[in-house]
Amino acid sequence: LVHVQVCIVTHHTSTVCFPSLFFFFILFLAFLCSVSSSAVDLRASAAVSSSETNKVRLGTSIHGIIMVSAWLLFAPSATLIAHTLRFYVPLWFKLHRNLQTFVVLLTLGGFATIVQDVGELELDSNHATIGFVVVILCIIQAILGFARNFISKKDSNSTDPTDHGPRRWLFNYLHWVLGALSLVGGAVAVALGIQLYDGDSRTFPVFIAWAAVEAVAAILSLFVNGEERPRLATILVVAAILFTGACSVLIAVLIAFS
């Protein structure tokens, strides 16, 4: 999770600072989890010590907050930016790359948190199984990004910015398929996790609202060509990110205080 980048960057400051600021927000929510965990009613099991109960609950809460941030906020936002703004925003690739890098780091951190909390890797539920598959897909996608030019067979001496190599189609296909599977799998794993964690279902309606807005934004992005209608595309992306971001923060807060 050591992704906090120094914000001493000229015109790229906002691109770098946003993930870093959200990282500190996650730490703040983790602190709230530890505070609320100390007040948990332990009457449900007299055989379990209070310190052990709080530890398990804290680890699960941090895992949920991290994964919600990764797969309900950063990953969909990065995908929408790449799909819609790539035609007219020069920084789209750096935005996409930085956000997706943050997704990988958050995913690995969330995975390590829950494994340490449980004590071992347990694939005893649909949530755990799908989540583990998403972690593997996420790692493969990251490796694929580093091997982009190798897969595309791009000439390292080429000075043509439009020359992506004769096999770029192969990279694009693999990148799209793995990305789509990861996005869907991540959302499904979060939904299943909410059902497991939130017994009184306070959080799930917020997830439904997030899913509805993401679906509408994805469908509209198929018809909004950023090259022809840049203003409309920008409004779509900003509105979707703001709303889904609000839903993600609300879900994270509900997890922290549940």
C-alpha atoms as a PDB file:
ATOM      1  CA  LEU A   1       0.000   0.000   0.000  1.00  0.00           C
ATOM      2  CA  VAL A   2       2.984   2.282  -0.099  1.00  0.00           C
ATOM      3  CA  HIS A   3       1.646   4.153  -3.084  1.00  0.00           C
ATOM      4  CA  VAL A   4       1.688   7.636  -1.554  1.00  0.00           C
ATOM      5  CA  GLN A   5       3.332   9.659  -4.274  1.00  0.00           C
ATOM      6  CA  VAL A   6       4.965  13.002  -3.547  1.00  0.00           C
ATOM      7  CA  CYS A   7       2.697  15.772  -4.817  1.00  0.00           C
ATOM      8  CA  ILE A   8       5.565  17.951  -5.985  1.00  0.00           C
ATOM      9  CA  VAL A   9       4.551  17.639  -9.620  1.00  0.00           C
ATOM     10  CA  THR A  10       3.848  20.536 -11.913  1.00  0.00           C
ATOM     11  CA  HIS A  11       0.650  20.158 -13.941  1.00  0.00           C
ATOM     12  CA  HIS A  12       0.182  16.502 -12.933  1.00  0.00           C
ATOM     13  CA  THR A  13      -0.464  17.321  -9.274  1.00  0.00           C
ATOM     14  CA  SER A  14      -4.168  16.480  -9.224  1.00  0.00           C
ATOM     15  CA  THR A  15      -3.536  13.183 -10.992  1.00  0.00           C
ATOM     16  CA  VAL A  16      -1.040  12.114  -8.361  1.00  0.00           C
ATOM     17  CA  CYS A  17      -2.635  13.563  -5.229  1.00  0.00           C
ATOM     18  CA  PHE A  18      -6.126  12.089  -5.527  1.00  0.00           C
ATOM     19  CA  PRO A  19      -5.128   8.445  -4.911  1.00  0.00           C
ATOM     20  CA  SER A  20      -2.771   9.542  -2.145  1.00  0.00           C
ATOM     21  CA  LEU A  21      -5.447  11.572  -0.384  1.00  0.00           C
ATOM     22  CA  PHE A  22      -7.886   8.672  -0.650  1.00  0.00           C
ATOM     23  CA  PHE A  23      -5.229   6.415   0.837  1.00  0.00           C
ATOM     24  CA  PHE A  24      -5.191   8.602   3.932  1.00  0.00           C
ATOM     25  CA  PHE A  25      -8.991   8.532   3.968  1.00  0.00           C
ATOM     26  CA  ILE A  26      -8.825   4.711   4.100  1.00  0.00           C
ATOM     27  CA  LEU A  27      -6.415   4.920   7.024  1.00  0.00           C
ATOM     28  CA  PHE A  28      -8.820   7.280   8.768  1.00  0.00           C
ATOM     29  CA  LEU A  29     -11.693   4.835   8.296  1.00  0.00           C
ATOM     30  CA  ALA A  30      -9.489   2.052   9.620  1.00  0.00           C
ATOM     31  CA  PHE A  31      -8.927   4.158  12.713  1.00  0.00           C
ATOM     32  CA  LEU A  32     -12.694   4.593  13.070  1.00  0.00           C
ATOM     33  CA  CYS A  33     -13.054   0.818  12.757  1.00  0.00           C
ATOM     34  CA  SER A  34     -10.627   0.294  15.624  1.00  0.00           C
ATOM     35  CA  VAL A  35     -12.519   2.782  17.765  1.00  0.00           C
ATOM     36  CA  SER A  36     -15.930   1.288  17.016  1.00  0.00           C
ATOM     37  CA  SER A  37     -14.581  -2.247  17.414  1.00  0.00           C
ATOM     38  CA  SER A  38     -13.644  -1.558  21.018  1.00  0.00           C
ATOM     39  CA  ALA A  39     -17.312  -0.942  21.793  1.00  0.00           C
ATOM     40  CA  VAL A  40     -18.649  -4.115  20.140  1.00  0.00           C
ATOM     41  CA  ASP A  41     -21.033  -6.176  22.323  1.00  0.00           C
ATOM     42  CA  LEU A  42     -19.256  -9.460  23.019  1.00  0.00           C
ATOM     43  CA  ARG A  43     -22.179 -11.269  24.602  1.00  0.00           C
ATOM     44  CA  ALA A  44     -22.682 -13.397  21.455  1.00  0.00           C
ATOM     45  CA  SER A  45     -19.785 -15.692  22.385  1.00  0.00           C
ATOM     46  CA  ALA A  46     -18.472 -16.017  25.904  1.00  0.00           C
ATOM     47  CA  ALA A  47     -15.744 -18.409  24.728  1.00  0.00           C
ATOM     48  CA  VAL A  48     -13.968 -15.780  22.623  1.00  0.00           C
ATOM     49  CA  SER A  49     -11.870 -13.144  24.290  1.00  0.00           C
ATOM     50  CA  SER A  50     -12.651  -9.479  23.650  1.00  0.00           C
ATOM     51  CA  SER A  51      -9.237  -8.752  22.127  1.00  0.00           C
ATOM     52  CA  GLU A  52      -9.566 -11.628  19.620  1.00  0.00           C
ATOM     53  CA  THR A  53     -13.093 -10.554  18.622  1.00  0.00           C
ATOM     54  CA  ASN A  54     -12.009  -6.980  18.079  1.00  0.00           C
ATOM     55  CA  LYS A  55      -9.006  -8.112  16.033  1.00  0.00           C
ATOM     56  CA  VAL A  56     -11.127 -10.241  13.711  1.00  0.00           C
ATOM     57  CA  ARG A  57     -13.736  -7.531  13.278  1.00  0.00           C
ATOM     58  CA  LEU A  58     -11.107  -4.864  12.635  1.00  0.00           C
ATOM     59  CA  GLY A  59      -9.326  -6.962   9.995  1.00  0.00           C
ATOM     60  CA  THR A  60     -12.588  -7.722   8.202  1.00  0.00           C
ATOM     61  CA  SER A  61     -13.589  -4.048   8.261  1.00  0.00           C
ATOM     62  CA  ILE A  62     -10.264  -2.885   6.838  1.00  0.00           C
ATOM     63  CA  HIS A  63     -10.450  -5.581   4.146  1.00  0.00           C
ATOM     64  CA  GLY A  64     -13.944  -4.425   3.157  1.00  0.00           C
ATOM     65  CA  ILE A  65     -13.028  -0.740   3.059  1.00  0.00           C
ATOM     66  CA  ILE A  66      -9.958  -1.408   0.915  1.00  0.00           C
ATOM     67  CA  MET A  67     -11.782  -3.622  -1.575  1.00  0.00           C
ATOM     68  CA  VAL A  68     -14.743  -1.242  -1.860  1.00  0.00           C
ATOM     69  CA  SER A  69     -12.313   1.574  -2.632  1.00  0.00           C
ATOM     70  CA  ALA A  70     -10.490  -0.500  -5.237  1.00  0.00           C
ATOM     71  CA  TRP A  71     -13.425  -2.092  -7.091  1.00  0.00           C
ATOM     72  CA  LEU A  72     -16.296   0.334  -6.640  1.00  0.00           C
ATOM     73  CA  LEU A  73     -14.361   3.571  -7.113  1.00  0.00           C
ATOM     74  CA  PHE A  74     -10.899   3.422  -8.665  1.00  0.00           C
ATOM     75  CA  ALA A  75     -11.227   0.525 -11.122  1.00  0.00           C
ATOM     76  CA  PRO A  76     -14.533   1.645 -12.725  1.00  0.00           C
ATOM     77  CA  SER A  77     -13.359   5.264 -12.834  1.00  0.00           C
ATOM     78  CA  ALA A  78     -10.096   4.321 -14.554  1.00  0.00           C
ATOM     79  CA  THR A  79     -11.982   2.219 -17.104  1.00  0.00           C
ATOM     80  CA  LEU A  80     -14.519   4.945 -17.845  1.00  0.00           C
ATOM     81  CA  ILE A  81     -11.744   7.502 -18.285  1.00  0.00           C
ATOM     82  CA  ALA A  82      -9.882   5.274 -20.757  1.00  0.00           C
ATOM     83  CA  HIS A  83     -13.017   4.406 -22.716  1.00  0.00           C
ATOM     84  CA  THR A  84     -14.551   7.869 -22.930  1.00  0.00           C
ATOM     85  CA  LEU A  85     -11.852  10.529 -22.581  1.00  0.00           C
ATOM     86  CA  ARG A  86      -9.004   8.976 -24.547  1.00  0.00           C
ATOM     87  CA  PHE A  87      -9.899  10.876 -27.721  1.00  0.00           C
ATOM     88  CA  TYR A  88      -9.308  14.383 -26.445  1.00  0.00           C
ATOM     89  CA  VAL A  89      -7.711  14.360 -22.961  1.00  0.00           C
ATOM     90  CA  PRO A  90      -3.910  14.061 -23.288  1.00  0.00           C
ATOM     91  CA  LEU A  91      -3.503  12.857 -19.713  1.00  0.00           C
ATOM     92  CA  TRP A  92      -6.034  10.031 -20.022  1.00  0.00           C
ATOM     93  CA  PHE A  93      -3.363   7.317 -20.141  1.00  0.00           C
ATOM     94  CA  LYS A  94      -1.528   8.569 -17.042  1.00  0.00           C
ATOM     95  CA  LEU A  95      -4.831   8.859 -15.192  1.00  0.00           C
ATOM     96  CA  HIS A  96      -5.804   5.342 -16.249  1.00  0.00           C
ATOM     97  CA  ARG A  97      -2.408   3.851 -15.440  1.00  0.00           C
ATOM     98  CA  ASN A  98      -2.035   5.534 -12.043  1.00  0.00           C
ATOM     99  CA  LEU A  99      -5.533   4.635 -10.905  1.00  0.00           C
ATOM    100  CA  GLN A 100      -5.198   1.025 -12.036  1.00  0.00           C
ATOM    101  CA  THR A 101      -1.813   0.750 -10.331  1.00  0.00           C
ATOM    102  CA  PHE A 102      -3.512   1.923  -7.169  1.00  0.00           C
ATOM    103  CA  VAL A 103      -6.210  -0.729  -7.705  1.00  0.00           C
ATOM    104  CA  VAL A 104      -3.560  -3.466  -7.866  1.00  0.00           C
ATOM    105  CA  LEU A 105      -1.857  -2.242  -4.699  1.00  0.00           C
ATOM    106  CA  LEU A 106      -5.149  -1.905  -2.837  1.00  0.00           C
ATOM    107  CA  THR A 107      -6.250  -5.364  -3.960  1.00  0.00           C
ATOM    108  CA  LEU A 108      -3.025  -6.993  -2.783  1.00  0.00           C
ATOM    109  CA  GLY A 109      -3.245  -5.075   0.485  1.00  0.00           C
ATOM    110  CA  GLY A 110      -6.862  -6.095   1.036  1.00  0.00           C
ATOM    111  CA  PHE A 111      -6.053  -9.712   0.225  1.00  0.00           C
ATOM    112  CA  ALA A 112      -3.099  -9.758   2.636  1.00  0.00           C
ATOM    113  CA  THR A 113      -5.235  -8.149   5.346  1.00  0.00           C
ATOM    114  CA  ILE A 114      -7.977 -10.778   5.264  1.00  0.00           C
ATOM    115  CA  VAL A 115      -5.537 -13.715   5.003  1.00  0.00           C
ATOM    116  CA  GLN A 116      -3.649 -12.461   8.046  1.00  0.00           C
ATOM    117  CA  ASP A 117      -6.923 -11.849   9.889  1.00  0.00           C
ATOM    118  CA  VAL A 118      -8.289 -15.337   9.164  1.00  0.00           C
ATOM    119  CA  GLY A 119      -4.910 -16.987   9.644  1.00  0.00           C
ATOM    120  CA  GLU A 120      -4.929 -18.907   6.358  1.00  0.00           C
ATOM    121  CA  LEU A 121      -6.297 -18.815   2.822  1.00  0.00           C
ATOM    122  CA  GLU A 122      -9.850 -20.138   3.066  1.00  0.00           C
ATOM    123  CA  LEU A 123     -11.900 -20.502  -0.134  1.00  0.00           C
ATOM    124  CA  ASP A 124     -14.984 -21.716   1.700  1.00  0.00           C
ATOM    125  CA  SER A 125     -17.518 -19.311   0.192  1.00  0.00           C
ATOM    126  CA  ASN A 126     -18.446 -17.787  -3.165  1.00  0.00           C
ATOM    127  CA  HIS A 127     -17.144 -14.447  -1.920  1.00  0.00           C
ATOM    128  CA  ALA A 128     -13.728 -15.874  -1.059  1.00  0.00           C
ATOM    129  CA  THR A 129     -13.447 -17.918  -4.269  1.00  0.00           C
ATOM    130  CA  ILE A 130     -14.456 -15.097  -6.625  1.00  0.00           C
ATOM    131  CA  GLY A 131     -12.324 -12.638  -4.683  1.00  0.00           C
ATOM    132  CA  PHE A 132      -9.264 -14.866  -5.009  1.00  0.00           C
ATOM    133  CA  VAL A 133      -9.852 -15.206  -8.769  1.00  0.00           C
ATOM    134  CA  VAL A 134     -10.053 -11.406  -9.026  1.00  0.00           C
ATOM    135  CA  VAL A 135      -6.722 -11.090  -7.200  1.00  0.00           C
ATOM    136  CA  ILE A 136      -5.114 -13.470  -9.711  1.00  0.00           C
ATOM    137  CA  LEU A 137      -6.667 -11.595 -12.662  1.00  0.00           C
ATOM    138  CA  CYS A 138      -5.453  -8.335 -11.201  1.00  0.00           C
ATOM    139  CA  ILE A 139      -1.870  -9.596 -10.977  1.00  0.00           C
ATOM    140  CA  ILE A 140      -1.996 -10.964 -14.544  1.00  0.00           C
ATOM    141  CA  GLN A 141      -3.380  -7.655 -15.791  1.00  0.00           C
ATOM    142  CA  ALA A 142      -0.523  -5.764 -14.130  1.00  0.00           C
ATOM    143  CA  ILE A 143       2.069  -8.080 -15.688  1.00  0.00           C
ATOM    144  CA  LEU A 144       0.326  -7.683 -19.035  1.00  0.00           C
ATOM    145  CA  GLY A 145       0.652  -3.905 -18.762  1.00  0.00           C
ATOM    146  CA  PHE A 146       4.416  -4.126 -18.216  1.00  0.00           C
ATOM    147  CA  ALA A 147       4.710  -6.512 -21.183  1.00  0.00           C
ATOM    148  CA  ARG A 148       2.598  -4.341 -23.483  1.00  0.00           C
ATOM    149  CA  ASN A 149       5.340  -3.507 -25.984  1.00  0.00           C
ATOM    150  CA  PHE A 150       6.732  -7.049 -25.924  1.00  0.00           C
ATOM    151  CA  ILE A 151       3.339  -8.555 -26.739  1.00  0.00           C
ATOM    152  CA  SER A 152       2.700  -5.929 -29.408  1.00  0.00           C
ATOM    153  CA  LYS A 153       6.198  -6.476 -30.885  1.00  0.00           C
ATOM    154  CA  LYS A 154       6.756  -2.747 -30.946  1.00  0.00           C
ATOM    155  CA  ASP A 155      10.097  -1.627 -32.352  1.00  0.00           C
ATOM    156  CA  SER A 156      12.015   0.012 -29.509  1.00  0.00           C
ATOM    157  CA  ASN A 157      13.774   2.300 -32.010  1.00  0.00           C
ATOM    158  CA  SER A 158      10.550   3.550 -33.557  1.00  0.00           C
ATOM    159  CA  THR A 159       9.941   7.303 -33.240  1.00  0.00           C
ATOM    160  CA  ASP A 160       6.399   7.150 -34.590  1.00  0.00           C
ATOM    161  CA  PRO A 161       3.964   7.718 -31.663  1.00  0.00           C
ATOM    162  CA  THR A 162       1.219   5.904 -33.586  1.00  0.00           C
ATOM    163  CA  ASP A 163       3.351   2.794 -34.112  1.00  0.00           C
ATOM    164  CA  HIS A 164       2.144   0.344 -31.459  1.00  0.00           C
ATOM    165  CA  GLY A 165       3.479  -2.777 -33.140  1.00  0.00           C
ATOM    166  CA  PRO A 166       1.932  -5.337 -35.515  1.00  0.00           C
ATOM    167  CA  ARG A 167       0.428  -7.406 -32.677  1.00  0.00           C
ATOM    168  CA  ARG A 168      -1.142  -4.580 -30.710  1.00  0.00           C
ATOM    169  CA  TRP A 169      -4.555  -6.118 -31.431  1.00  0.00           C
ATOM    170  CA  LEU A 170      -3.526  -9.124 -29.314  1.00  0.00           C
ATOM    171  CA  PHE A 171      -2.609  -6.966 -26.346  1.00  0.00           C
ATOM    172  CA  ASN A 172      -5.814  -4.925 -26.689  1.00  0.00           C
ATOM    173  CA  TYR A 173      -7.930  -8.069 -26.747  1.00  0.00           C
ATOM    174  CA  LEU A 174      -6.233  -9.616 -23.701  1.00  0.00           C
ATOM    175  CA  HIS A 175      -6.317  -6.318 -21.822  1.00  0.00           C
ATOM    176  CA  TRP A 176     -10.022  -5.787 -22.518  1.00  0.00           C
ATOM    177  CA  VAL A 177     -11.078  -9.340 -21.653  1.00  0.00           C
ATOM    178  CA  LEU A 178      -9.066  -9.501 -18.416  1.00  0.00           C
ATOM    179  CA  GLY A 179     -10.211  -6.010 -17.468  1.00  0.00           C
ATOM    180  CA  ALA A 180     -13.878  -6.804 -18.034  1.00  0.00           C
ATOM    181  CA  LEU A 181     -13.640 -10.047 -16.053  1.00  0.00           C
ATOM    182  CA  SER A 182     -11.852  -8.260 -13.226  1.00  0.00           C
ATOM    183  CA  LEU A 183     -14.399  -5.446 -13.076  1.00  0.00           C
ATOM    184  CA  VAL A 184     -17.392  -7.766 -13.010  1.00  0.00           C
ATOM    185  CA  GLY A 185     -15.708 -10.193 -10.623  1.00  0.00           C
ATOM    186  CA  GLY A 186     -14.645  -7.395  -8.289  1.00  0.00           C
ATOM    187  CA  ALA A 187     -18.165  -5.973  -8.127  1.00  0.00           C
ATOM    188  CA  VAL A 188     -19.686  -9.420  -7.536  1.00  0.00           C
ATOM    189  CA  ALA A 189     -17.152 -10.202  -4.806  1.00  0.00           C
ATOM    190  CA  VAL A 190     -17.933  -6.909  -3.075  1.00  0.00           C
ATOM    191  CA  ALA A 191     -21.676  -7.606  -3.274  1.00  0.00           C
ATOM    192  CA  LEU A 192     -21.225 -11.062  -1.774  1.00  0.00           C
ATOM    193  CA  GLY A 193     -18.954  -9.635   0.893  1.00  0.00           C
ATOM    194  CA  ILE A 194     -21.565  -7.048   1.846  1.00  0.00           C
ATOM    195  CA  GLN A 195     -24.156  -9.797   2.214  1.00  0.00           C
ATOM    196  CA  LEU A 196     -21.808 -11.779   4.463  1.00  0.00           C
ATOM    197  CA  TYR A 197     -20.694  -8.825   6.559  1.00  0.00           C
ATOM    198  CA  ASP A 198     -23.808  -6.667   6.786  1.00  0.00           C
ATOM    199  CA  GLY A 199     -26.478  -8.853   8.332  1.00  0.00           C
ATOM    200  CA  ASP A 200     -29.137  -6.160   8.532  1.00  0.00           C
ATOM    201  CA  SER A 201     -28.665  -5.158   4.877  1.00  0.00           C
ATOM    202  CA  ARG A 202     -28.146  -1.444   5.466  1.00  0.00           C
ATOM    203  CA  THR A 203     -25.330  -1.292   2.943  1.00  0.00           C
ATOM    204  CA  PHE A 204     -26.685  -3.392   0.073  1.00  0.00           C
ATOM    205  CA  PRO A 205     -29.219  -0.792  -1.197  1.00  0.00           C
ATOM    206  CA  VAL A 206     -26.320   1.632  -1.626  1.00  0.00           C
ATOM    207  CA  PHE A 207     -24.506  -1.001  -3.670  1.00  0.00           C
ATOM    208  CA  ILE A 208     -27.598  -1.433  -5.850  1.00  0.00           C
ATOM    209  CA  ALA A 209     -27.613   2.325  -6.500  1.00  0.00           C
ATOM    210  CA  TRP A 210     -23.913   2.169  -7.399  1.00  0.00           C
ATOM    211  CA  ALA A 211     -24.482  -0.745  -9.795  1.00  0.00           C
ATOM    212  CA  ALA A 212     -27.400   1.015 -11.487  1.00  0.00           C
ATOM    213  CA  VAL A 213     -25.415   4.190 -12.127  1.00  0.00           C
ATOM    214  CA  GLU A 214     -22.391   2.231 -13.355  1.00  0.00           C
ATOM    215  CA  ALA A 215     -24.588   0.256 -15.765  1.00  0.00           C
ATOM    216  CA  VAL A 216     -26.184   3.427 -17.140  1.00  0.00           C
ATOM    217  CA  ALA A 217     -22.793   5.128 -17.482  1.00  0.00           C
ATOM    218  CA  ALA A 218     -21.338   2.092 -19.287  1.00  0.00           C
ATOM    219  CA  ILE A 219     -24.266   1.981 -21.732  1.00  0.00           C
ATOM    220  CA  LEU A 220     -24.170   5.726 -22.383  1.00  0.00           C
ATOM    221  CA  SER A 221     -20.410   5.628 -22.951  1.00  0.00           C
ATOM    222  CA  LEU A 222     -21.031   3.319 -25.915  1.00  0.00           C
ATOM    223  CA  PHE A 223     -22.980   6.093 -27.628  1.00  0.00           C
ATOM    224  CA  VAL A 224     -21.085   9.156 -26.429  1.00  0.00           C
ATOM    225  CA  ASN A 225     -18.075   9.569 -28.686  1.00  0.00           C
ATOM    226  CA  GLY A 226     -15.599  11.782 -26.882  1.00  0.00           C
ATOM    227  CA  GLU A 227     -13.997  12.808 -30.152  1.00  0.00           C
ATOM    228  CA  GLU A 228     -17.259  14.192 -31.546  1.00  0.00           C
ATOM    229  CA  ARG A 229     -18.957  15.372 -28.334  1.00  0.00           C
ATOM    230  CA  PRO A 230     -16.207  16.044 -25.778  1.00  0.00           C
ATOM    231  CA  ARG A 231     -18.320  18.216 -23.477  1.00  0.00           C
ATOM    232  CA  LEU A 232     -21.073  15.623 -23.173  1.00  0.00           C
ATOM    233  CA  ALA A 233     -18.506  12.877 -22.604  1.00  0.00           C
ATOM    234  CA  THR A 234     -16.823  14.921 -19.881  1.00  0.00           C
ATOM    235  CA  ILE A 235     -20.126  15.532 -18.103  1.00  0.00           C
ATOM    236  CA  LEU A 236     -20.920  11.815 -18.258  1.00  0.00           C
ATOM    237  CA  VAL A 237     -17.566  10.763 -16.799  1.00  0.00           C
ATOM    238  CA  VAL A 238     -17.510  13.395 -14.059  1.00  0.00           C
ATOM    239  CA  ALA A 239     -21.124  12.720 -13.017  1.00  0.00           C
ATOM    240  CA  ALA A 240     -20.598   8.954 -12.919  1.00  0.00           C
ATOM    241  CA  ILE A 241     -17.358   9.220 -10.936  1.00  0.00           C
ATOM    242  CA  LEU A 242     -18.841  11.676  -8.440  1.00  0.00           C
ATOM    243  CA  PHE A 243     -21.954   9.580  -7.810  1.00  0.00           C
ATOM    244  CA  THR A 244     -20.189   6.227  -7.637  1.00  0.00           C
ATOM    245  CA  GLY A 245     -17.504   7.835  -5.494  1.00  0.00           C
ATOM    246  CA  ALA A 246     -20.172   9.049  -3.064  1.00  0.00           C
ATOM    247  CA  CYS A 247     -21.691   5.553  -2.964  1.00  0.00           C
ATOM    248  CA  SER A 248     -18.273   4.000  -2.339  1.00  0.00           C
ATOM    249  CA  VAL A 249     -17.490   6.388   0.498  1.00  0.00           C
ATOM    250  CA  LEU A 250     -20.932   5.769   2.043  1.00  0.00           C
ATOM    251  CA  ILE A 251     -20.449   1.992   1.843  1.00  0.00           C
ATOM    252  CA  ALA A 252     -16.981   2.316   3.409  1.00  0.00           C
ATOM    253  CA  VAL A 253     -18.386   4.454   6.240  1.00  0.00           C
ATOM    254  CA  LEU A 254     -21.228   1.972   6.872  1.00  0.00           C
ATOM    255  CA  ILE A 255     -18.685  -0.845   7.036  1.00  0.00           C
ATOM    256  CA  ALA A 256     -16.547   1.144   9.453  1.00  0.00           C
ATOM    257  CA  PHE A 257     -19.431   1.813  11.828  1.00  0.00           C
ATOM    258  CA  SER A 258     -21.307  -1.475  11.483  1.00  0.00           C
END
